[in-house]
């Protein structure tokens, strides 16, 4: 089982703390470091956060929330082996050409350690702030993933759609990885169809093995309908350390490849203080 940590771009008081934590995590055997994304945190919002009963995110507008790709570029320069992932970036509100360029560049600079986790987004107020329509964000997402893969191919790019008019260009450097992993996050709407059609992995925002199991069954069924090999999809799930190694084994039995531990789940005021315990009680036991 691979053990990741999330988020490495939120709440750190300065770059020394952020980079120091990343280096300690790598030394402790953490497999990957992940980020969350929001460009803004509104003072108030009518949109409902789908992953908490309160409908609200658990951060304040004043929380340090570093752009994921900038954060991971800094971490990439200060580490050597730990993998880097966005969990997830809101692709539907981004410029897909910039996203493709930046993702390729980050994979290039990290020597093939980057995983691009992406989702369609839920915060309409944020879409309004960046000037992107909230409507049709699912269709826009599907189109953007297909278009970005053309940018990463090294071939002359031609892509015309309702959302993009690209013609007769190339963009280098290419990602080191072929394919650059695109990990699709979420568990609502047409997410399983998107994973089956466009994803190398699923970032599952579920709370327990019991919660995840029926969703994996649905994903398998959709993969069969789409003619996609389910075994080619890497499953990443969240794990709060509740249930200990027995729960980890239950995730493993479901075919989960990676468990991402929220920093808050280590229950330390300073996340770095929890790394030795995470190594001794979890990572060293599953390596």
Protein backbone atom coordinates (compact mmCIF):
# COMPACT_ATOMS: atom_id res chain seq x y z
CA UNK A 1 0.00 0.00 0.00
CA UNK A 2 1.30 3.45 -0.93
CA UNK A 3 0.88 6.12 1.75
CA UNK A 4 0.49 9.76 0.73
CA UNK A 5 -0.10 12.97 2.67
CA UNK A 6 -2.45 15.85 1.89
CA UNK A 7 -2.38 18.88 1.74
CA UNK A 8 1.16 20.24 1.59
CA UNK A 9 0.07 23.63 0.25
CA UNK A 10 -2.30 24.80 3.00
CA UNK A 11 -1.66 26.36 6.37
CA UNK A 12 2.14 26.43 6.44
CA UNK A 13 3.43 29.77 7.78
CA UNK A 14 6.36 30.03 5.34
CA UNK A 15 8.34 28.16 2.69
CA UNK A 16 10.84 26.83 5.22
CA UNK A 17 8.09 25.01 7.09
CA UNK A 18 6.51 23.69 3.88
CA UNK A 19 9.75 22.45 2.35
CA UNK A 20 11.04 21.13 5.66
CA UNK A 21 7.88 19.09 6.08
CA UNK A 22 8.14 17.71 2.54
CA UNK A 23 11.73 16.65 3.09
CA UNK A 24 10.88 15.00 6.41
CA UNK A 25 7.98 13.18 4.78
CA UNK A 26 10.22 11.86 2.03
CA UNK A 27 12.76 10.67 4.63
CA UNK A 28 9.95 8.96 6.56
CA UNK A 29 9.03 6.89 3.50
CA UNK A 30 5.90 8.76 2.43
CA UNK A 31 5.22 7.79 -1.19
CA UNK A 32 3.51 10.97 -2.38
CA UNK A 33 2.60 14.52 -1.37
CA UNK A 34 -0.64 16.10 -2.54
CA UNK A 35 -2.36 19.47 -2.74
CA UNK A 36 -5.87 20.86 -2.69
CA UNK A 37 -6.94 23.74 -4.93
CA UNK A 38 -9.05 26.84 -4.60
CA UNK A 39 -8.01 30.14 -6.15
CA UNK A 40 -10.17 32.00 -3.64
CA UNK A 41 -12.12 31.25 -0.48
CA UNK A 42 -15.26 33.42 -0.49
CA UNK A 43 -16.27 35.20 2.69
CA UNK A 44 -19.61 33.44 2.26
CA UNK A 45 -21.02 31.18 -0.44
CA UNK A 46 -24.29 29.54 -1.39
CA UNK A 47 -22.61 26.62 -3.15
CA UNK A 48 -22.59 23.42 -1.08
CA UNK A 49 -19.26 21.73 -0.39
CA UNK A 50 -20.12 18.11 -1.29
CA UNK A 51 -17.72 16.34 1.07
CA UNK A 52 -18.94 17.60 4.44
CA UNK A 53 -22.42 17.57 5.93
CA UNK A 54 -22.05 21.24 6.83
CA UNK A 55 -21.74 22.17 3.16
CA UNK A 56 -18.70 24.29 4.03
CA UNK A 57 -14.95 23.89 3.65
CA UNK A 58 -12.98 23.56 6.86
CA UNK A 59 -10.71 26.53 6.14
CA UNK A 60 -11.06 30.26 6.56
CA UNK A 61 -10.51 32.86 3.83
CA UNK A 62 -7.35 33.96 5.66
CA UNK A 63 -5.70 30.52 5.49
CA UNK A 64 -2.45 30.34 3.50
CA UNK A 65 -3.52 28.45 0.36
CA UNK A 66 -0.57 28.28 -2.06
CA UNK A 67 -1.27 27.52 -5.71
CA UNK A 68 -0.76 23.74 -6.11
CA UNK A 69 1.58 23.81 -9.08
CA UNK A 70 3.76 26.51 -7.54
CA UNK A 71 3.88 24.58 -4.26
CA UNK A 72 4.75 21.30 -5.96
CA UNK A 73 7.43 22.97 -8.10
CA UNK A 74 9.13 24.15 -4.91
CA UNK A 75 8.77 20.70 -3.35
CA UNK A 76 10.10 19.03 -6.50
CA UNK A 77 13.25 21.14 -6.36
CA UNK A 78 13.86 20.20 -2.72
CA UNK A 79 13.18 16.45 -2.93
CA UNK A 80 14.38 13.52 -5.01
CA UNK A 81 11.98 10.57 -4.93
CA UNK A 82 8.61 11.43 -3.39
CA UNK A 83 5.82 11.63 -5.94
CA UNK A 84 3.75 14.79 -6.32
CA UNK A 85 0.03 15.03 -6.96
CA UNK A 86 -2.81 17.52 -7.17
CA UNK A 87 -5.81 16.27 -5.29
CA UNK A 88 -7.51 17.84 -7.15
CA UNK A 89 -7.08 20.88 -9.41
CA UNK A 90 -10.28 22.37 -10.80
CA UNK A 91 -9.71 21.79 -14.49
CA UNK A 92 -13.05 23.14 -15.70
CA UNK A 93 -12.23 26.68 -14.52
CA UNK A 94 -8.62 26.66 -15.78
CA UNK A 95 -7.08 27.57 -19.12
CA UNK A 96 -6.35 24.09 -20.53
CA UNK A 97 -3.31 25.17 -22.53
CA UNK A 98 -1.66 26.73 -19.49
CA UNK A 99 -2.61 23.66 -17.46
CA UNK A 100 -1.12 21.30 -20.05
CA UNK A 101 2.06 23.40 -20.26
CA UNK A 102 2.48 23.66 -16.49
CA UNK A 103 1.76 19.98 -15.86
CA UNK A 104 4.28 18.92 -18.50
CA UNK A 105 6.83 21.33 -17.08
CA UNK A 106 6.35 20.05 -13.54
CA UNK A 107 6.74 16.45 -14.67
CA UNK A 108 9.87 17.46 -16.60
CA UNK A 109 11.39 19.34 -13.64
CA UNK A 110 10.57 16.55 -11.18
CA UNK A 111 11.97 13.87 -13.49
CA UNK A 112 8.64 12.10 -13.91
CA UNK A 113 7.15 12.34 -10.41
CA UNK A 114 3.97 14.31 -11.11
CA UNK A 115 0.35 13.10 -11.11
CA UNK A 116 -2.29 15.52 -12.35
CA UNK A 117 -5.42 15.08 -10.28
CA UNK A 118 -8.35 17.03 -11.69
CA UNK A 119 -12.05 17.56 -11.05
CA UNK A 120 -14.98 19.52 -12.43
CA UNK A 121 -15.44 21.81 -9.40
CA UNK A 122 -18.39 22.71 -7.18
CA UNK A 123 -17.85 26.32 -6.03
CA UNK A 124 -19.87 28.49 -8.43
CA UNK A 125 -18.65 31.67 -6.76
CA UNK A 126 -15.09 30.75 -7.68
CA UNK A 127 -16.01 30.14 -11.34
CA UNK A 128 -17.66 33.57 -11.36
CA UNK A 129 -14.54 35.17 -9.89
CA UNK A 130 -12.25 33.71 -12.57
CA UNK A 131 -14.74 34.51 -15.35
CA UNK A 132 -15.60 30.97 -16.44
CA UNK A 133 -19.20 29.73 -16.88
CA UNK A 134 -20.30 27.25 -14.22
CA UNK A 135 -22.72 25.67 -16.69
CA UNK A 136 -21.45 22.79 -18.84
CA UNK A 137 -18.37 22.40 -16.67
CA UNK A 138 -18.57 18.62 -17.06
CA UNK A 139 -18.52 18.81 -20.86
CA UNK A 140 -15.74 21.37 -20.67
CA UNK A 141 -13.73 19.05 -18.40
CA UNK A 142 -14.06 16.10 -20.80
CA UNK A 143 -12.96 18.22 -23.72
CA UNK A 144 -10.02 19.71 -21.85
CA UNK A 145 -8.59 16.31 -20.86
CA UNK A 146 -8.68 15.09 -24.45
CA UNK A 147 -7.14 18.34 -25.69
CA UNK A 148 -4.33 18.34 -23.11
CA UNK A 149 -3.31 14.83 -24.10
CA UNK A 150 -2.74 16.15 -27.62
CA UNK A 151 -0.42 18.83 -26.22
CA UNK A 152 1.55 16.14 -24.38
CA UNK A 153 1.84 13.92 -27.47
CA UNK A 154 4.62 15.89 -29.14
CA UNK A 155 2.61 15.92 -32.36
CA UNK A 156 1.16 18.96 -34.11
CA UNK A 157 -1.92 19.94 -32.11
CA UNK A 158 -5.29 20.23 -33.82
CA UNK A 159 -8.35 20.48 -31.60
CA UNK A 160 -11.58 22.29 -32.39
CA UNK A 161 -14.60 22.05 -30.12
CA UNK A 162 -17.27 24.11 -28.39
CA UNK A 163 -14.61 25.26 -25.93
CA UNK A 164 -11.25 25.23 -27.73
CA UNK A 165 -9.89 26.32 -31.09
CA UNK A 166 -6.30 25.05 -31.31
CA UNK A 167 -4.43 24.57 -34.56
CA UNK A 168 -0.93 23.98 -35.91
CA UNK A 169 1.35 24.19 -32.88
CA UNK A 170 3.53 22.09 -30.60
CA UNK A 171 4.44 22.56 -26.94
CA UNK A 172 7.65 21.33 -25.32
CA UNK A 173 9.01 20.02 -23.03
CA UNK A 174 6.91 16.90 -23.04
CA UNK A 175 6.13 15.10 -19.80
CA UNK A 176 8.74 12.52 -18.78
CA UNK A 177 5.96 10.01 -18.13
CA UNK A 178 4.03 8.60 -21.05
CA UNK A 179 1.25 8.86 -20.29
CA UNK A 180 1.31 11.60 -17.72
CA UNK A 181 -1.13 10.21 -15.11
CA UNK A 182 -4.48 11.99 -15.08
CA UNK A 183 -6.33 11.14 -11.88
CA UNK A 184 -9.99 12.12 -11.80
CA UNK A 185 -11.51 13.13 -8.49
CA UNK A 186 -15.05 13.12 -7.18
CA UNK A 187 -17.91 10.70 -6.64
CA UNK A 188 -20.89 12.58 -8.08
CA UNK A 189 -22.61 12.77 -11.44
CA UNK A 190 -20.83 11.19 -14.39
CA UNK A 191 -17.50 10.74 -12.62
CA UNK A 192 -17.34 6.98 -13.31
CA UNK A 193 -17.89 7.51 -17.01
CA UNK A 194 -15.15 10.16 -17.00
CA UNK A 195 -12.72 7.86 -15.23
CA UNK A 196 -13.46 5.00 -17.61
CA UNK A 197 -13.04 7.19 -20.68
CA UNK A 198 -10.29 9.60 -19.70
CA UNK A 199 -8.60 8.67 -16.42
CA UNK A 200 -5.49 6.80 -15.38
CA UNK A 201 -6.77 6.78 -11.83
CA UNK A 202 -9.58 7.73 -9.46
CA UNK A 203 -9.18 9.99 -6.44
CA UNK A 204 -12.03 8.71 -4.29
CA UNK A 205 -13.28 11.16 -1.63
CA UNK A 206 -14.84 8.39 0.45
CA UNK A 207 -14.85 7.94 4.21
CA UNK A 208 -14.45 4.19 4.77
CA UNK A 209 -14.00 0.86 3.00
CA UNK A 210 -17.73 0.28 3.42
CA UNK A 211 -18.45 3.58 1.69
CA UNK A 212 -15.98 2.86 -1.09
CA UNK A 213 -16.94 -0.74 -1.95
CA UNK A 214 -20.26 -0.07 -3.75
CA UNK A 215 -18.70 2.83 -5.64
CA UNK A 216 -15.92 0.59 -6.89
CA UNK A 217 -18.56 -1.88 -8.04
CA UNK A 218 -20.23 0.92 -9.99
CA UNK A 219 -16.91 1.96 -11.52
CA UNK A 220 -16.24 -1.64 -12.57
CA UNK A 221 -19.65 -1.85 -14.22
CA UNK A 222 -19.09 1.38 -16.12
CA UNK A 223 -15.64 0.24 -17.23
CA UNK A 224 -17.20 -2.93 -18.61
CA UNK A 225 -19.78 -0.86 -20.51
CA UNK A 226 -17.05 1.40 -21.93
CA UNK A 227 -14.70 -1.44 -22.82
CA UNK A 228 -12.08 -0.17 -20.36
CA UNK A 229 -9.86 -2.49 -18.34
CA UNK A 230 -10.73 -1.69 -14.73
CA UNK A 231 -7.38 -3.05 -13.55
CA UNK A 232 -5.60 -0.23 -15.42
CA UNK A 233 -7.17 2.37 -13.09
CA UNK A 234 -5.17 3.20 -9.96
CA UNK A 235 -7.41 3.86 -6.95
CA UNK A 236 -6.41 6.52 -4.43
CA UNK A 237 -8.58 6.98 -1.34
CA UNK A 238 -8.53 9.18 1.75
CA UNK A 239 -7.69 7.60 5.11
CA UNK A 240 -7.94 9.31 8.49
CA UNK A 241 -5.97 6.50 10.23
CA UNK A 242 -9.18 5.43 11.94
CA UNK A 243 -9.30 1.67 12.29
CA UNK A 244 -5.55 1.26 12.09
CA UNK A 245 -3.91 -1.49 10.05
CA UNK A 246 -7.10 -3.56 9.99
CA UNK A 247 -8.86 -0.81 8.06
CA UNK A 248 -5.83 -0.38 5.83
CA UNK A 249 -6.04 -4.08 5.02
CA UNK A 250 -9.72 -3.69 4.16
CA UNK A 251 -8.82 -0.96 1.67
CA UNK A 252 -6.07 -3.17 0.27
CA UNK A 253 -8.54 -6.03 -0.18
CA UNK A 254 -10.72 -3.70 -2.25
CA UNK A 255 -7.81 -3.05 -4.60
CA UNK A 256 -6.93 0.43 -3.38
CA UNK A 257 -3.37 1.29 -4.41
CA UNK A 258 -2.82 4.41 -2.30
CA UNK A 259 -4.20 5.93 0.89
CA UNK A 260 -3.78 9.66 1.39
CA UNK A 261 -3.69 10.73 5.01
CA UNK A 262 -4.92 14.28 5.80
CA UNK A 263 -2.35 16.17 7.84
CA UNK A 264 -5.02 16.85 10.45
CA UNK A 265 -5.48 13.10 10.95
CA UNK A 266 -2.00 12.87 12.48
CA UNK A 267 -3.49 14.91 15.33
CA UNK A 268 -0.44 17.09 15.88
CA UNK A 269 -0.41 20.87 16.07
CA UNK A 270 2.73 20.72 13.92
CA UNK A 271 2.23 18.09 11.17
CA UNK A 272 5.96 17.32 11.11
CA UNK A 273 5.67 15.99 14.68
CA UNK A 274 3.44 13.16 13.46
CA UNK A 275 5.80 11.82 10.79
CA UNK A 276 7.88 9.55 13.04
CA UNK A 277 4.71 7.98 14.42
CA UNK A 278 3.27 7.56 10.92
CA UNK A 279 6.47 5.85 9.82
CA UNK A 280 6.71 3.49 12.78
CA UNK A 281 3.02 2.60 13.05
CA UNK A 282 2.00 2.53 9.38
CA UNK A 283 4.64 2.94 6.69
CA UNK A 284 7.18 0.53 8.17
CA UNK A 285 4.42 -2.06 8.58
CA UNK A 286 3.22 -1.97 4.98
CA UNK A 287 6.46 -1.40 3.07
